[in-house]
Amino acid sequence: MSADYLDDRPGMMRVHVASERARLACGIYTQSNLRAWAKSHGCPSGDSTKGDLAWRMAQHGLIAADGALRDGFPGGAS
């Protein structure tokens, strides 16, 4: 894993990082789980596909590098 995958400060999430985190989360959680988590953490949850929703959640810091759900960016709302 490169250093790019560890840099998840707000505004620093790269497209390939978010895509990898979304892919991992999609393998762990159902779309309903992701939608509920996003909604409870103020992330838009109206995406039509599970992958799009997970990608948006990764962009908001709600998915950790291992695909697990979390409360947001480090140092943020946790």
C-alpha atoms as a PDB file:
ATOM      1  CA  MET A   1       0.000   0.000   0.000  1.00  0.00           C
ATOM      2  CA  SER A   2       1.470   3.330  -1.004  1.00  0.00           C
ATOM      3  CA  ALA A   3       1.542   6.458   1.121  1.00  0.00           C
ATOM      4  CA  ASP A   4      -1.251   7.879  -1.066  1.00  0.00           C
ATOM      5  CA  TYR A   5      -3.675   5.428   0.509  1.00  0.00           C
ATOM      6  CA  LEU A   6      -2.846   6.658   3.994  1.00  0.00           C
ATOM      7  CA  ASP A   7      -3.366  10.360   3.232  1.00  0.00           C
ATOM      8  CA  ASP A   8      -7.062  10.778   3.950  1.00  0.00           C
ATOM      9  CA  ARG A   9      -7.164  14.330   5.228  1.00  0.00           C
ATOM     10  CA  PRO A  10     -10.172  16.349   4.030  1.00  0.00           C
ATOM     11  CA  GLY A  11      -9.585  17.421   0.442  1.00  0.00           C
ATOM     12  CA  MET A  12      -6.757  14.932  -0.083  1.00  0.00           C
ATOM     13  CA  MET A  13      -8.761  11.838  -1.044  1.00  0.00           C
ATOM     14  CA  ARG A  14      -7.708  10.792  -4.517  1.00  0.00           C
ATOM     15  CA  VAL A  15     -10.053   9.146  -6.988  1.00  0.00           C
ATOM     16  CA  HIS A  16      -8.120   5.863  -6.963  1.00  0.00           C
ATOM     17  CA  VAL A  17      -8.027   5.859  -3.154  1.00  0.00           C
ATOM     18  CA  ALA A  18     -11.771   6.420  -2.892  1.00  0.00           C
ATOM     19  CA  SER A  19     -12.384   3.761  -5.529  1.00  0.00           C
ATOM     20  CA  GLU A  20     -10.311   1.177  -3.662  1.00  0.00           C
ATOM     21  CA  ARG A  21     -12.026   1.967  -0.339  1.00  0.00           C
ATOM     22  CA  ALA A  22     -15.440   1.812  -2.024  1.00  0.00           C
ATOM     23  CA  ARG A  23     -14.610  -1.569  -3.575  1.00  0.00           C
ATOM     24  CA  LEU A  24     -13.566  -2.971  -0.206  1.00  0.00           C
ATOM     25  CA  ALA A  25     -16.666  -1.603   1.561  1.00  0.00           C
ATOM     26  CA  CYS A  26     -18.952  -3.032  -1.141  1.00  0.00           C
ATOM     27  CA  GLY A  27     -17.530  -6.455  -0.402  1.00  0.00           C
ATOM     28  CA  ILE A  28     -18.317  -6.117   3.298  1.00  0.00           C
ATOM     29  CA  TYR A  29     -21.602  -4.187   3.602  1.00  0.00           C
ATOM     30  CA  THR A  30     -25.002  -4.181   1.933  1.00  0.00           C
ATOM     31  CA  GLN A  31     -26.323  -1.096   0.186  1.00  0.00           C
ATOM     32  CA  SER A  32     -28.851  -0.652   3.012  1.00  0.00           C
ATOM     33  CA  ASN A  33     -26.055  -0.652   5.613  1.00  0.00           C
ATOM     34  CA  LEU A  34     -24.061   1.905   3.634  1.00  0.00           C
ATOM     35  CA  ARG A  35     -27.092   4.122   3.044  1.00  0.00           C
ATOM     36  CA  ALA A  36     -28.032   4.114   6.746  1.00  0.00           C
ATOM     37  CA  TRP A  37     -24.446   4.927   7.798  1.00  0.00           C
ATOM     38  CA  ALA A  38     -24.190   7.745   5.245  1.00  0.00           C
ATOM     39  CA  LYS A  39     -27.528   9.216   6.269  1.00  0.00           C
ATOM     40  CA  SER A  40     -26.652   9.135   9.976  1.00  0.00           C
ATOM     41  CA  HIS A  41     -23.355  10.940   9.282  1.00  0.00           C
ATOM     42  CA  GLY A  42     -24.699  13.690   7.020  1.00  0.00           C
ATOM     43  CA  CYS A  43     -23.385  12.296   3.752  1.00  0.00           C
ATOM     44  CA  PRO A  44     -25.696  12.426   0.716  1.00  0.00           C
ATOM     45  CA  SER A  45     -27.156   8.928   0.362  1.00  0.00           C
ATOM     46  CA  GLY A  46     -29.281   9.173  -2.774  1.00  0.00           C
ATOM     47  CA  ASP A  47     -26.868   7.425  -5.150  1.00  0.00           C
ATOM     48  CA  SER A  48     -28.536   4.736  -7.228  1.00  0.00           C
ATOM     49  CA  THR A  49     -25.777   2.123  -7.060  1.00  0.00           C
ATOM     50  CA  LYS A  50     -23.932   0.629  -4.140  1.00  0.00           C
ATOM     51  CA  GLY A  51     -20.561   1.474  -5.708  1.00  0.00           C
ATOM     52  CA  ASP A  52     -21.445   5.140  -6.247  1.00  0.00           C
ATOM     53  CA  LEU A  53     -22.714   5.447  -2.686  1.00  0.00           C
ATOM     54  CA  ALA A  54     -19.567   3.841  -1.268  1.00  0.00           C
ATOM     55  CA  TRP A  55     -17.361   6.114  -3.402  1.00  0.00           C
ATOM     56  CA  ARG A  56     -19.162   9.213  -2.116  1.00  0.00           C
ATOM     57  CA  MET A  57     -18.811   7.924   1.456  1.00  0.00           C
ATOM     58  CA  ALA A  58     -15.069   7.408   0.931  1.00  0.00           C
ATOM     59  CA  GLN A  59     -14.821  10.986  -0.323  1.00  0.00           C
ATOM     60  CA  HIS A  60     -16.472  12.120   2.929  1.00  0.00           C
ATOM     61  CA  GLY A  61     -14.048  10.069   5.040  1.00  0.00           C
ATOM     62  CA  LEU A  62     -16.615   7.511   6.144  1.00  0.00           C
ATOM     63  CA  ILE A  63     -14.659   4.488   4.876  1.00  0.00           C
ATOM     64  CA  ALA A  64     -11.280   3.515   6.295  1.00  0.00           C
ATOM     65  CA  ALA A  65      -8.398   2.115   4.230  1.00  0.00           C
ATOM     66  CA  ASP A  66      -9.466  -1.458   5.056  1.00  0.00           C
ATOM     67  CA  GLY A  67     -13.067  -0.857   3.918  1.00  0.00           C
ATOM     68  CA  ALA A  68     -14.508  -0.547   7.433  1.00  0.00           C
ATOM     69  CA  LEU A  69     -17.026   2.159   8.242  1.00  0.00           C
ATOM     70  CA  ARG A  70     -15.885   5.000  10.482  1.00  0.00           C
ATOM     71  CA  ASP A  71     -17.212   8.327  11.742  1.00  0.00           C
ATOM     72  CA  GLY A  72     -15.228  10.627   9.449  1.00  0.00           C
ATOM     73  CA  PHE A  73     -11.790  12.001   8.777  1.00  0.00           C
ATOM     74  CA  PRO A  74      -9.205  11.623  11.555  1.00  0.00           C
ATOM     75  CA  GLY A  75      -9.496  14.558  13.923  1.00  0.00           C
ATOM     76  CA  GLY A  76     -12.992  15.245  12.677  1.00  0.00           C
ATOM     77  CA  ALA A  77     -16.341  14.084  13.994  1.00  0.00           C
ATOM     78  CA  SER A  78     -15.483  10.769  15.583  1.00  0.00           C
END
